[in-house]
N, C-alpha and C. Protein backbone atom coordinates (compact mmCIF):
# COMPACT_ATOMS: atom_id res chain seq x y z
N UNK A 1 114.51 93.94 93.31
CA UNK A 1 114.42 95.01 94.19
C UNK A 1 113.66 94.18 95.02
N UNK A 2 114.19 94.16 96.31
CA UNK A 2 113.12 93.36 97.59
C UNK A 2 112.21 94.53 97.73
N UNK A 3 111.12 93.76 98.53
CA UNK A 3 110.06 94.70 98.67
C UNK A 3 110.00 94.96 99.88
N UNK A 4 110.32 95.97 100.69
CA UNK A 4 110.54 96.55 102.03
C UNK A 4 109.52 96.76 102.29
N UNK A 5 108.23 97.18 101.60
CA UNK A 5 107.23 97.70 102.31
C UNK A 5 105.67 96.61 102.40
N UNK A 6 105.16 96.11 103.58
CA UNK A 6 104.06 95.48 103.61
C UNK A 6 102.82 96.38 103.26
N UNK A 7 102.41 95.97 101.98
CA UNK A 7 101.00 96.81 101.83
C UNK A 7 99.73 95.91 102.23
N UNK A 8 99.41 95.97 103.45
CA UNK A 8 98.37 95.17 103.79
C UNK A 8 97.14 95.95 104.35
N UNK A 9 97.05 97.36 103.98
CA UNK A 9 95.90 98.13 104.17
C UNK A 9 94.81 98.46 103.52
N UNK A 10 94.97 97.92 102.47
CA UNK A 10 93.86 97.84 101.22
C UNK A 10 93.86 99.35 100.58
N UNK A 11 94.67 100.47 100.75
CA UNK A 11 94.30 101.76 100.34
C UNK A 11 95.77 102.43 100.54
N UNK A 12 96.06 102.93 99.33
CA UNK A 12 97.26 103.54 99.35
C UNK A 12 97.81 104.36 100.60
N UNK A 13 96.60 105.19 100.80
CA UNK A 13 96.65 106.44 102.04
C UNK A 13 97.05 105.87 103.18
N UNK A 14 96.71 104.35 103.59
CA UNK A 14 96.63 103.77 104.69
C UNK A 14 97.83 103.26 104.79
N UNK A 15 98.10 102.80 103.65
CA UNK A 15 99.69 101.99 103.59
C UNK A 15 100.71 103.11 103.60
N UNK A 16 100.44 104.43 103.34
CA UNK A 16 101.40 105.35 103.59
C UNK A 16 101.71 105.71 105.16
N UNK A 17 100.47 105.88 105.75
CA UNK A 17 100.61 106.43 107.22
C UNK A 17 100.94 105.32 108.14
N UNK A 18 101.16 104.20 107.49
CA UNK A 18 101.85 103.05 108.02
C UNK A 18 103.55 102.79 107.68
N UNK A 19 103.85 103.90 107.40
CA UNK A 19 104.99 103.74 107.28
C UNK A 19 106.08 103.79 108.22
N UNK A 20 105.67 104.27 109.34
CA UNK A 20 106.11 104.52 110.53
C UNK A 20 105.61 103.15 111.71
N UNK A 21 106.60 102.37 111.66
CA UNK A 21 106.32 101.26 112.46
C UNK A 21 106.56 101.26 113.69
N UNK A 22 105.88 100.42 114.49
CA UNK A 22 105.78 100.63 116.04
C UNK A 22 105.74 102.09 116.59
N UNK A 23 104.69 102.55 115.92
CA UNK A 23 104.41 104.18 116.16
C UNK A 23 104.36 104.41 117.60
N UNK A 24 103.39 103.56 118.17
CA UNK A 24 103.43 103.57 119.87
C UNK A 24 104.35 103.24 120.63
N UNK A 25 105.21 102.93 120.18
CA UNK A 25 106.42 101.90 121.15
C UNK A 25 107.92 103.01 120.76
N UNK A 26 108.03 104.07 121.32
CA UNK A 26 109.11 104.85 121.12
C UNK A 26 110.48 103.89 120.91
N UNK A 27 110.70 103.28 121.82
CA UNK A 27 112.01 102.43 122.08
C UNK A 27 112.31 101.58 120.90
N UNK A 28 111.24 101.15 119.96
CA UNK A 28 111.06 100.16 118.91
C UNK A 28 110.80 100.73 117.47
N UNK A 29 110.41 101.91 117.32
CA UNK A 29 109.94 102.78 116.59
C UNK A 29 110.93 102.62 115.48
N UNK A 30 110.36 102.58 114.04
CA UNK A 30 111.20 102.62 113.01
C UNK A 30 110.48 103.17 111.64
N UNK A 31 111.54 104.26 111.40
CA UNK A 31 110.68 105.10 110.31
C UNK A 31 111.14 104.70 109.05
N UNK A 32 110.29 104.01 108.29
CA UNK A 32 110.53 103.45 107.19
C UNK A 32 110.67 104.31 105.77
N UNK A 33 110.24 105.37 106.15
CA UNK A 33 110.63 106.73 105.30
C UNK A 33 111.56 107.47 105.62
N UNK A 34 113.08 107.19 105.47
CA UNK A 34 114.07 107.77 106.15
C UNK A 34 114.78 108.24 104.91
N UNK A 35 114.32 108.12 103.80
CA UNK A 35 115.32 109.06 102.62
C UNK A 35 114.10 109.11 102.00
N UNK A 36 114.49 109.81 100.67
CA UNK A 36 114.01 110.09 99.33
C UNK A 36 113.72 109.01 98.59
N UNK A 37 115.09 108.12 98.66
CA UNK A 37 115.01 106.71 98.00
C UNK A 37 114.13 105.99 98.30
N UNK A 38 113.77 105.92 99.66
CA UNK A 38 113.08 105.36 100.50
C UNK A 38 111.18 105.48 99.92
N UNK A 39 111.45 106.99 99.82
CA UNK A 39 110.09 107.47 99.25
C UNK A 39 109.59 106.79 97.93
N UNK A 40 110.61 106.93 97.42
CA UNK A 40 110.51 106.47 95.71
C UNK A 40 110.22 104.91 95.95
N UNK A 41 110.83 104.18 96.52
CA UNK A 41 110.58 102.46 96.89
C UNK A 41 109.20 102.42 97.46
N UNK A 42 108.74 103.06 98.25
CA UNK A 42 107.42 102.87 98.49
C UNK A 42 106.38 103.43 97.44
N UNK A 43 106.60 104.53 96.58
CA UNK A 43 105.94 104.98 95.26
C UNK A 43 105.75 103.78 94.55
N UNK A 44 106.78 103.34 94.04
CA UNK A 44 107.14 102.31 93.10
C UNK A 44 106.10 101.00 93.59
N UNK A 45 106.54 100.53 94.87
CA UNK A 45 106.13 99.38 95.17
C UNK A 45 104.76 99.54 95.32
N UNK A 46 104.11 100.65 95.75
CA UNK A 46 102.55 101.01 95.79
C UNK A 46 101.88 101.12 94.50
N UNK A 47 102.72 101.30 93.51
CA UNK A 47 101.95 101.34 92.08
C UNK A 47 101.91 102.97 91.80
N UNK A 48 102.14 103.87 92.91
CA UNK A 48 102.01 105.37 92.45
C UNK A 48 103.10 105.79 91.24
N UNK A 49 104.19 105.10 91.31
CA UNK A 49 104.69 105.58 89.99
C UNK A 49 105.42 104.23 89.45
N UNK A 50 105.76 104.21 88.16
CA UNK A 50 106.39 102.90 87.59
C UNK A 50 107.86 103.00 87.89
N UNK A 51 108.68 101.93 87.64
CA UNK A 51 110.03 101.80 87.54
C UNK A 51 110.90 102.61 86.92
N UNK A 52 110.21 102.93 85.73
CA UNK A 52 110.95 104.05 85.17
C UNK A 52 111.06 105.22 85.38
N UNK A 53 109.46 105.83 85.78
CA UNK A 53 109.16 107.17 86.41
C UNK A 53 109.93 107.04 87.87
N UNK A 54 110.53 106.46 88.75
CA UNK A 54 111.32 106.30 89.70
C UNK A 54 113.01 106.48 89.44
N UNK A 55 113.16 105.91 88.17
CA UNK A 55 114.60 106.12 87.86
C UNK A 55 114.84 107.47 87.29
N UNK A 56 113.83 108.05 86.75
CA UNK A 56 114.09 109.71 86.20
C UNK A 56 113.81 110.35 87.57
N UNK A 57 113.05 109.92 88.46
CA UNK A 57 113.08 111.24 89.80
C UNK A 57 114.25 110.94 90.26
N UNK A 58 115.19 109.67 90.26
CA UNK A 58 116.35 109.68 91.26
C UNK A 58 117.29 110.41 90.87
N UNK A 59 117.19 110.20 89.42
CA UNK A 59 118.15 111.27 88.42
C UNK A 59 118.15 112.72 88.25
N UNK A 60 116.82 113.28 88.36
CA UNK A 60 116.83 114.68 88.42
C UNK A 60 116.63 115.23 89.80
N UNK A 61 116.37 114.48 90.78
CA UNK A 61 116.27 115.36 91.92
C UNK A 61 117.43 115.15 92.80
N UNK A 62 117.87 116.64 93.32
CA UNK A 62 118.89 116.94 93.90
C UNK A 62 119.11 116.63 95.25
N UNK A 63 120.20 116.63 96.14
CA UNK A 63 120.04 116.42 97.37
C UNK A 63 119.08 116.92 98.41
N UNK A 64 119.61 118.84 97.84
CA UNK A 64 118.49 119.69 98.55
C UNK A 64 117.05 119.04 98.38
N UNK A 65 117.04 119.00 97.34
CA UNK A 65 115.17 118.82 97.07
C UNK A 65 114.93 117.22 97.45
N UNK A 66 115.62 116.55 97.69
CA UNK A 66 115.42 115.19 98.31
C UNK A 66 115.16 115.33 100.13
N UNK A 67 115.91 116.16 100.64
CA UNK A 67 115.65 116.62 101.99
C UNK A 67 114.13 117.58 102.08
N UNK A 68 113.94 118.45 101.39
CA UNK A 68 112.75 119.34 101.82
C UNK A 68 111.60 118.09 101.12
N UNK A 69 111.63 117.20 100.26
CA UNK A 69 110.48 116.73 99.71
C UNK A 69 110.23 115.61 101.13
N UNK A 70 111.17 114.78 101.33
CA UNK A 70 111.28 113.83 102.37
C UNK A 70 110.64 114.44 103.96
N UNK A 71 110.56 115.82 104.03
CA UNK A 71 110.03 116.75 105.00
C UNK A 71 108.65 116.69 104.93
N UNK A 72 108.47 117.10 103.57
CA UNK A 72 106.98 117.24 103.34
C UNK A 72 106.10 116.03 103.21
N UNK A 73 106.95 114.77 102.77
CA UNK A 73 106.11 113.48 102.95
C UNK A 73 105.81 112.84 104.39
N UNK A 74 106.60 113.23 105.34
CA UNK A 74 106.73 113.02 106.85
C UNK A 74 105.54 113.56 107.18
N UNK A 75 105.49 115.00 106.81
CA UNK A 75 104.22 115.96 107.61
C UNK A 75 102.97 115.25 106.82
N UNK A 76 102.88 115.15 105.65
CA UNK A 76 101.81 114.54 105.04
C UNK A 76 101.38 113.10 105.39
N UNK A 77 102.39 112.46 105.95
CA UNK A 77 102.01 110.94 106.64
C UNK A 77 101.22 111.25 107.78
N UNK A 78 101.74 112.27 108.49
CA UNK A 78 101.07 112.65 110.07
C UNK A 78 100.02 112.85 109.92
N UNK A 79 99.46 114.12 109.10
CA UNK A 79 98.17 114.42 108.84
C UNK A 79 97.27 113.23 108.16
N UNK A 80 97.96 112.38 107.39
CA UNK A 80 96.93 111.54 107.11
C UNK A 80 96.82 110.55 108.27
N UNK A 81 97.65 110.37 108.97
CA UNK A 81 97.50 109.19 110.30
C UNK A 81 96.52 109.71 111.00
N UNK A 82 96.67 111.03 111.69
CA UNK A 82 95.82 111.82 112.72
C UNK A 82 94.32 111.96 112.10
N UNK A 83 94.28 111.91 110.74
CA UNK A 83 92.74 112.29 110.14
C UNK A 83 92.20 110.92 110.23
N UNK A 84 92.70 109.80 109.58
CA UNK A 84 92.08 108.47 109.75
C UNK A 84 92.05 107.51 110.94
N UNK A 85 93.05 107.74 111.81
CA UNK A 85 93.02 107.35 113.04
C UNK A 85 91.91 107.78 113.96
N UNK A 86 91.75 109.03 113.83
CA UNK A 86 90.37 109.65 114.53
C UNK A 86 89.38 109.29 113.95
N UNK A 87 88.95 108.71 112.81
CA UNK A 87 88.02 107.97 112.02
C UNK A 87 87.62 106.83 112.66
N UNK A 88 88.96 106.23 112.81
CA UNK A 88 88.84 104.38 112.75
C UNK A 88 88.68 104.14 114.45
N UNK A 89 89.04 105.12 115.38
CA UNK A 89 88.40 105.25 116.61
C UNK A 89 87.11 106.01 117.13
N UNK A 90 86.34 106.32 116.04
CA UNK A 90 85.21 106.83 116.01
C UNK A 90 84.74 108.33 116.48
N UNK A 91 86.29 108.96 116.20
CA UNK A 91 86.06 110.51 116.42
C UNK A 91 85.61 111.57 115.41
N UNK A 92 85.40 112.49 115.58
CA UNK A 92 85.54 113.51 114.74
C UNK A 92 86.56 113.77 113.82
N UNK A 93 86.41 114.33 112.70
CA UNK A 93 87.73 114.76 111.83
C UNK A 93 88.42 115.85 112.57
N UNK A 94 89.85 116.21 113.06
CA UNK A 94 90.35 116.70 113.82
C UNK A 94 90.88 117.95 113.06
N UNK A 95 90.43 119.26 113.65
CA UNK A 95 90.93 120.23 112.61
C UNK A 95 91.90 120.81 112.45
N UNK A 96 93.29 120.69 113.21
CA UNK A 96 94.44 120.89 112.84
C UNK A 96 94.91 120.15 111.78
N UNK A 97 94.81 118.63 111.88
CA UNK A 97 95.20 117.74 110.98
C UNK A 97 94.49 118.08 109.54
N UNK A 98 93.34 118.36 109.72
CA UNK A 98 92.64 118.71 108.08
C UNK A 98 93.13 120.08 107.57
N UNK A 99 93.38 120.73 108.59
CA UNK A 99 93.74 121.82 108.05
C UNK A 99 95.23 121.91 107.17
N UNK A 100 96.08 121.05 107.71
CA UNK A 100 97.78 120.81 106.94
C UNK A 100 97.37 120.42 106.16
N UNK A 101 96.30 119.20 106.30
CA UNK A 101 96.26 118.19 104.84
C UNK A 101 95.76 119.27 103.75
N UNK A 102 94.56 119.90 104.05
CA UNK A 102 94.13 120.81 103.28
C UNK A 102 95.48 121.60 102.06
N UNK A 103 96.15 122.35 103.39
CA UNK A 103 97.65 122.81 102.22
C UNK A 103 98.24 121.93 101.50
N UNK A 104 98.11 120.84 101.79
CA UNK A 104 98.97 119.51 100.91
C UNK A 104 97.81 119.71 99.75
N UNK A 105 96.59 119.22 99.86
CA UNK A 105 95.92 119.43 98.84
C UNK A 105 95.85 120.16 97.81
N UNK A 106 95.81 121.72 98.33
CA UNK A 106 96.16 122.62 97.19
C UNK A 106 97.40 122.95 96.54
N UNK A 107 98.44 122.17 97.21
CA UNK A 107 99.81 122.63 96.63
C UNK A 107 100.53 121.36 95.86
N UNK A 108 99.64 120.13 96.36
CA UNK A 108 100.32 118.72 95.63
C UNK A 108 99.02 118.18 95.29
N UNK A 109 98.60 118.85 94.06
CA UNK A 109 97.48 118.14 93.28
C UNK A 109 98.21 117.36 91.74
N UNK A 110 97.70 116.28 91.45
CA UNK A 110 98.00 115.66 90.29
C UNK A 110 97.72 116.63 89.39
N UNK A 111 98.40 116.91 88.36
CA UNK A 111 98.19 117.76 87.25
C UNK A 111 97.14 117.37 86.06
N UNK A 112 96.75 117.75 85.68
CA UNK A 112 95.77 116.90 84.46
C UNK A 112 95.57 117.92 83.36
N UNK A 113 95.14 117.74 82.36
CA UNK A 113 94.84 118.53 81.11
C UNK A 113 93.47 117.73 80.49
N UNK A 114 93.08 118.50 79.53
CA UNK A 114 91.94 117.60 78.58
C UNK A 114 92.95 117.40 77.23
N UNK A 115 92.97 116.03 76.82
CA UNK A 115 93.77 115.56 75.48
C UNK A 115 92.85 114.98 75.08
N UNK A 116 93.30 114.13 73.90
CA UNK A 116 92.82 113.11 73.14
C UNK A 116 93.41 111.90 73.22
N UNK A 117 92.22 110.81 73.29
CA UNK A 117 92.70 109.53 73.62
C UNK A 117 91.70 108.74 71.95
N UNK A 118 92.81 108.54 71.02
CA UNK A 118 91.77 108.23 69.92
C UNK A 118 90.84 109.40 69.38
N UNK A 119 89.85 109.00 68.94
CA UNK A 119 88.71 109.85 68.73
C UNK A 119 88.01 110.42 69.87
N UNK A 120 88.22 110.20 70.84
CA UNK A 120 87.44 110.59 72.22
C UNK A 120 88.48 111.74 72.90
N UNK A 121 87.57 112.57 73.49
CA UNK A 121 88.62 113.82 74.40
C UNK A 121 87.91 113.51 75.71
N UNK A 122 89.24 113.37 76.65
CA UNK A 122 89.22 112.77 77.98
C UNK A 122 90.19 113.72 78.58
N UNK A 123 90.24 113.59 80.04
CA UNK A 123 90.88 114.16 80.88
C UNK A 123 92.00 113.28 81.38
N UNK A 124 93.60 113.79 80.84
CA UNK A 124 94.78 113.31 80.94
C UNK A 124 95.18 113.53 81.97
N UNK A 125 95.94 112.62 82.71
CA UNK A 125 96.66 112.86 84.24
C UNK A 125 98.26 113.14 83.94
N UNK A 126 98.87 114.16 84.65
CA UNK A 126 100.34 114.55 84.20
C UNK A 126 100.84 113.59 84.71
N UNK A 127 102.10 113.68 84.45
CA UNK A 127 103.24 112.54 84.53
C UNK A 127 103.91 112.76 85.91
N UNK A 128 103.45 111.73 86.81
CA UNK A 128 104.01 112.28 88.17
C UNK A 128 105.67 112.33 88.59
N UNK A 129 106.34 111.95 87.53
CA UNK A 129 107.89 112.06 87.37
C UNK A 129 108.54 113.54 86.91
N UNK A 130 107.52 114.32 86.60
CA UNK A 130 107.89 115.69 85.92
C UNK A 130 108.46 116.62 87.12
N UNK A 131 108.10 116.24 88.42
CA UNK A 131 108.78 117.03 89.52
C UNK A 131 109.06 115.99 90.59
N UNK A 132 109.84 116.46 91.22
CA UNK A 132 110.29 115.53 92.49
C UNK A 132 109.65 115.16 93.37
N UNK A 133 108.34 116.02 93.63
CA UNK A 133 107.52 115.85 94.63
C UNK A 133 106.32 114.95 94.22
N UNK A 134 106.37 114.97 92.88
CA UNK A 134 105.29 114.03 91.81
C UNK A 134 104.77 112.71 92.65
N UNK A 135 105.92 111.96 93.49
CA UNK A 135 104.76 110.92 94.11
C UNK A 135 104.05 111.26 94.91
N UNK A 136 104.04 112.26 95.41
CA UNK A 136 103.08 112.59 96.77
C UNK A 136 101.82 112.91 96.17
N UNK A 137 101.29 113.26 94.78
CA UNK A 137 100.41 114.06 94.35
C UNK A 137 99.23 112.72 94.38
N UNK A 138 99.84 111.57 93.81
CA UNK A 138 98.66 110.66 93.93
C UNK A 138 98.05 110.29 95.48
N UNK A 139 98.97 110.07 96.09
CA UNK A 139 98.95 109.75 97.63
C UNK A 139 97.80 111.04 98.12
N UNK A 140 98.23 112.28 97.90
CA UNK A 140 97.13 113.17 98.18
C UNK A 140 95.77 113.27 97.71
N UNK A 141 95.45 112.69 96.30
CA UNK A 141 94.63 112.54 95.97
C UNK A 141 93.33 111.21 96.53
N UNK A 142 94.21 110.34 96.65
CA UNK A 142 93.92 109.08 97.02
C UNK A 142 93.24 109.40 98.68
N UNK A 143 94.24 110.24 99.23
CA UNK A 143 93.68 110.34 101.11
C UNK A 143 92.43 111.11 100.88
N UNK A 144 92.30 112.32 99.79
CA UNK A 144 91.08 113.00 99.76
C UNK A 144 89.81 112.12 98.96
N UNK A 145 90.18 111.53 98.53
CA UNK A 145 89.10 110.62 98.06
C UNK A 145 88.43 109.86 98.93
N UNK A 146 89.37 109.12 99.93
CA UNK A 146 88.75 108.32 100.92
C UNK A 146 88.30 109.19 102.33
N UNK A 147 88.90 110.41 102.36
CA UNK A 147 88.18 110.91 103.54
C UNK A 147 87.24 111.54 103.37
N UNK A 148 86.74 111.79 101.91
CA UNK A 148 85.35 112.05 101.54
C UNK A 148 84.30 111.40 101.13
N UNK A 149 84.62 110.21 101.32
CA UNK A 149 83.55 108.96 100.82
C UNK A 149 83.14 108.19 101.78
N UNK A 150 82.21 107.28 101.75
CA UNK A 150 81.60 106.65 102.65
C UNK A 150 82.31 105.49 103.34
N UNK A 151 83.44 105.08 102.57
CA UNK A 151 84.17 104.27 103.16
C UNK A 151 85.02 104.54 104.04
N UNK A 152 85.08 105.93 104.40
CA UNK A 152 86.07 106.23 105.46
C UNK A 152 85.58 105.89 107.12
N UNK A 153 84.19 105.12 106.98
CA UNK A 153 83.61 104.89 108.01
C UNK A 153 84.05 103.27 108.47
N UNK A 154 84.93 102.65 107.31
CA UNK A 154 85.42 101.54 107.37
C UNK A 154 86.80 101.32 107.57
N UNK A 155 87.73 102.48 107.88
CA UNK A 155 88.98 102.67 108.46
C UNK A 155 88.96 101.97 109.63
N UNK A 156 89.75 101.04 109.79
CA UNK A 156 90.13 100.61 111.22
C UNK A 156 91.54 100.47 111.72
N UNK A 157 91.99 100.39 112.98
CA UNK A 157 92.87 100.08 113.84
C UNK A 157 93.46 98.86 114.08
N UNK A 158 94.49 98.30 114.30
CA UNK A 158 94.82 96.86 113.75
C UNK A 158 94.50 96.47 115.50
N UNK A 159 93.94 95.48 115.77
CA UNK A 159 93.53 94.73 116.99
C UNK A 159 94.76 94.78 118.26
N UNK A 160 96.03 94.60 117.33
CA UNK A 160 97.49 93.94 118.01
C UNK A 160 97.80 95.06 118.61
N UNK A 161 98.03 95.54 119.83
CA UNK A 161 98.31 96.76 120.91
C UNK A 161 99.77 97.14 120.51
N UNK A 162 100.58 96.34 120.05
CA UNK A 162 101.79 96.81 119.41
C UNK A 162 101.95 97.19 118.21
N UNK A 163 100.74 97.06 117.53
CA UNK A 163 100.90 97.55 115.98
C UNK A 163 100.17 98.48 115.79
N UNK A 164 98.88 98.21 115.78
CA UNK A 164 97.83 99.38 115.80
C UNK A 164 97.81 100.02 113.95
N UNK A 165 98.49 99.45 112.88
CA UNK A 165 98.42 100.14 111.82
C UNK A 165 96.94 100.22 111.41
N UNK A 166 96.85 101.15 110.61
CA UNK A 166 95.50 101.28 109.79
C UNK A 166 95.18 100.73 108.79
N UNK A 167 93.93 100.13 108.10
CA UNK A 167 93.55 99.30 107.32
C UNK A 167 92.00 99.91 106.96
N UNK A 168 91.77 99.21 105.68
CA UNK A 168 90.41 99.30 105.03
C UNK A 168 89.69 98.13 105.51
N UNK A 169 88.52 98.19 106.03
CA UNK A 169 88.21 96.91 106.27
C UNK A 169 86.96 96.92 105.40
N UNK A 170 87.16 95.88 104.30
CA UNK A 170 86.00 95.76 103.26
C UNK A 170 85.41 94.06 103.28
N UNK A 171 85.65 93.56 104.52
CA UNK A 171 85.07 92.05 104.88
C UNK A 171 83.56 92.58 104.72
N UNK A 172 82.85 91.57 104.34
CA UNK A 172 81.21 91.58 104.15
C UNK A 172 80.71 92.11 105.38
N UNK A 173 81.14 91.55 106.76
CA UNK A 173 80.38 91.95 107.75
C UNK A 173 81.26 93.13 108.63
N UNK A 174 82.05 93.40 108.07
CA UNK A 174 83.27 94.44 108.63
C UNK A 174 83.41 93.81 109.89
N UNK A 175 84.36 92.72 109.81
CA UNK A 175 84.39 92.15 111.59
C UNK A 175 86.17 91.93 111.29
N UNK A 176 86.94 92.32 110.34
CA UNK A 176 88.09 92.20 110.12
C UNK A 176 88.88 92.90 111.38
N UNK A 177 89.87 92.19 112.09
CA UNK A 177 90.46 92.71 113.24
C UNK A 177 91.93 93.11 112.90
N UNK A 178 92.89 92.68 112.26
CA UNK A 178 93.94 92.88 111.94
C UNK A 178 94.47 93.09 110.74
N UNK A 179 95.21 94.21 110.77
CA UNK A 179 95.94 94.76 109.34
C UNK A 179 96.37 93.53 108.89
N UNK A 180 97.23 92.56 109.26
CA UNK A 180 97.37 91.31 108.84
C UNK A 180 96.97 89.88 109.64
N UNK A 181 96.30 89.00 109.01
CA UNK A 181 96.03 87.91 109.78
C UNK A 181 97.59 86.84 109.95
N UNK A 182 98.41 86.78 108.48
CA UNK A 182 99.25 86.42 108.71
C UNK A 182 100.60 86.99 109.82
N UNK A 183 100.40 88.17 110.09
CA UNK A 183 101.51 88.80 111.15
C UNK A 183 100.71 88.98 112.46
N UNK A 184 99.76 89.90 112.54
CA UNK A 184 99.40 90.44 113.87
C UNK A 184 98.08 89.13 114.20
N UNK A 185 97.41 88.80 113.21
CA UNK A 185 96.57 87.83 113.84
C UNK A 185 97.48 86.50 114.17
N UNK A 186 98.04 86.06 113.80
CA UNK A 186 99.22 84.83 114.12
C UNK A 186 99.60 85.37 115.55
N UNK A 187 100.17 86.35 115.40
CA UNK A 187 100.78 87.05 117.02
C UNK A 187 99.66 86.95 118.10
N UNK A 188 98.74 87.36 117.72
CA UNK A 188 97.58 87.29 118.72
C UNK A 188 97.36 85.86 119.16
N UNK A 189 97.14 85.21 118.54
CA UNK A 189 96.92 83.51 118.74
C UNK A 189 98.10 82.97 119.38
N UNK A 190 99.40 83.11 119.30
CA UNK A 190 100.39 83.01 119.75
C UNK A 190 100.52 83.48 121.39
N UNK A 191 100.18 84.89 121.47
CA UNK A 191 99.65 85.29 122.82
C UNK A 191 98.58 85.05 123.63
N UNK A 192 97.46 84.44 123.22
CA UNK A 192 96.57 83.70 123.91
C UNK A 192 96.97 82.48 123.90
N UNK A 193 97.60 81.56 123.18
CA UNK A 193 98.02 80.40 123.49
C UNK A 193 98.95 80.09 124.74
N UNK A 194 99.78 81.12 124.97
CA UNK A 194 100.96 81.31 125.88
C UNK A 194 100.13 81.66 127.19
N UNK A 195 99.26 82.69 127.27
CA UNK A 195 98.38 83.17 128.45
C UNK A 195 97.60 81.62 128.75
N UNK A 196 97.18 81.26 127.87
CA UNK A 196 96.15 79.85 128.68
C UNK A 196 97.04 78.85 129.12
N UNK A 197 98.27 78.51 128.64
CA UNK A 197 99.37 77.54 129.02
C UNK A 197 99.78 78.25 130.46
N UNK A 198 99.73 79.49 130.33
CA UNK A 198 100.34 79.96 132.00
C UNK A 198 99.28 79.68 133.18
N UNK A 199 98.28 79.77 132.40
CA UNK A 199 97.09 79.72 133.38
C UNK A 199 96.92 78.30 133.90
N UNK A 200 96.91 77.61 133.08
CA UNK A 200 96.81 75.80 132.86
C UNK A 200 97.91 75.38 134.00
N UNK A 201 99.09 75.91 133.82
CA UNK A 201 100.14 75.64 134.81
C UNK A 201 99.92 76.17 136.23
N UNK A 202 99.45 77.39 136.43
CA UNK A 202 99.03 77.82 137.55
C UNK A 202 97.73 76.98 138.52
N UNK A 203 96.91 76.44 137.50
CA UNK A 203 95.93 75.75 138.03
C UNK A 203 96.35 74.18 138.24
N UNK A 204 97.42 73.76 137.35
CA UNK A 204 97.79 72.50 137.65
C UNK A 204 99.20 72.21 137.68
N UNK A 205 99.82 73.06 138.92
CA UNK A 205 101.27 72.91 138.98
C UNK A 205 101.85 71.54 138.91
N UNK A 206 103.01 71.13 138.63
CA UNK A 206 103.88 69.87 138.75
C UNK A 206 103.08 69.03 137.72
């Protein structure tokens, strides 16, 4: 399977928020979650579900449920983006998106139970392929974990104006500027080079 998603954020909840590409350029905007199938592709590629779980989910999910869950996924994505983009820009957690996220947090929790692992009694997570909305459960849990941790202060917005993807800056001095040095970092270098070359030509015509 072709890996269609660029998972560069360093956290699954932020990668999920980044599935709306060119978010701030309406004419170029691309929604990478335009079907339930693509939601499963994201979940599989990001490790939220296994390949076998994705196959089971495809087989058991009706077209009607697929449409409903995709709508849930988009709403969840936008709530996550609003919450963490506000943090990245130094603002407080916005109430509206937080209330919306809390509804997901209450309704889409990863089920668990107490079970045995050998001679130990342990907390056992439920199977995300048991329900068609299962792939959203670990994303909600991951977002909640990041939102309530000190690492929320490390969420950044890509410095490339046409990108502005979110990412978790875990660099030693917290100086990371780009979601991806290979993509946006190089794009910024090319822009600087072209600007300098134009300036040089203006100063030294002919």
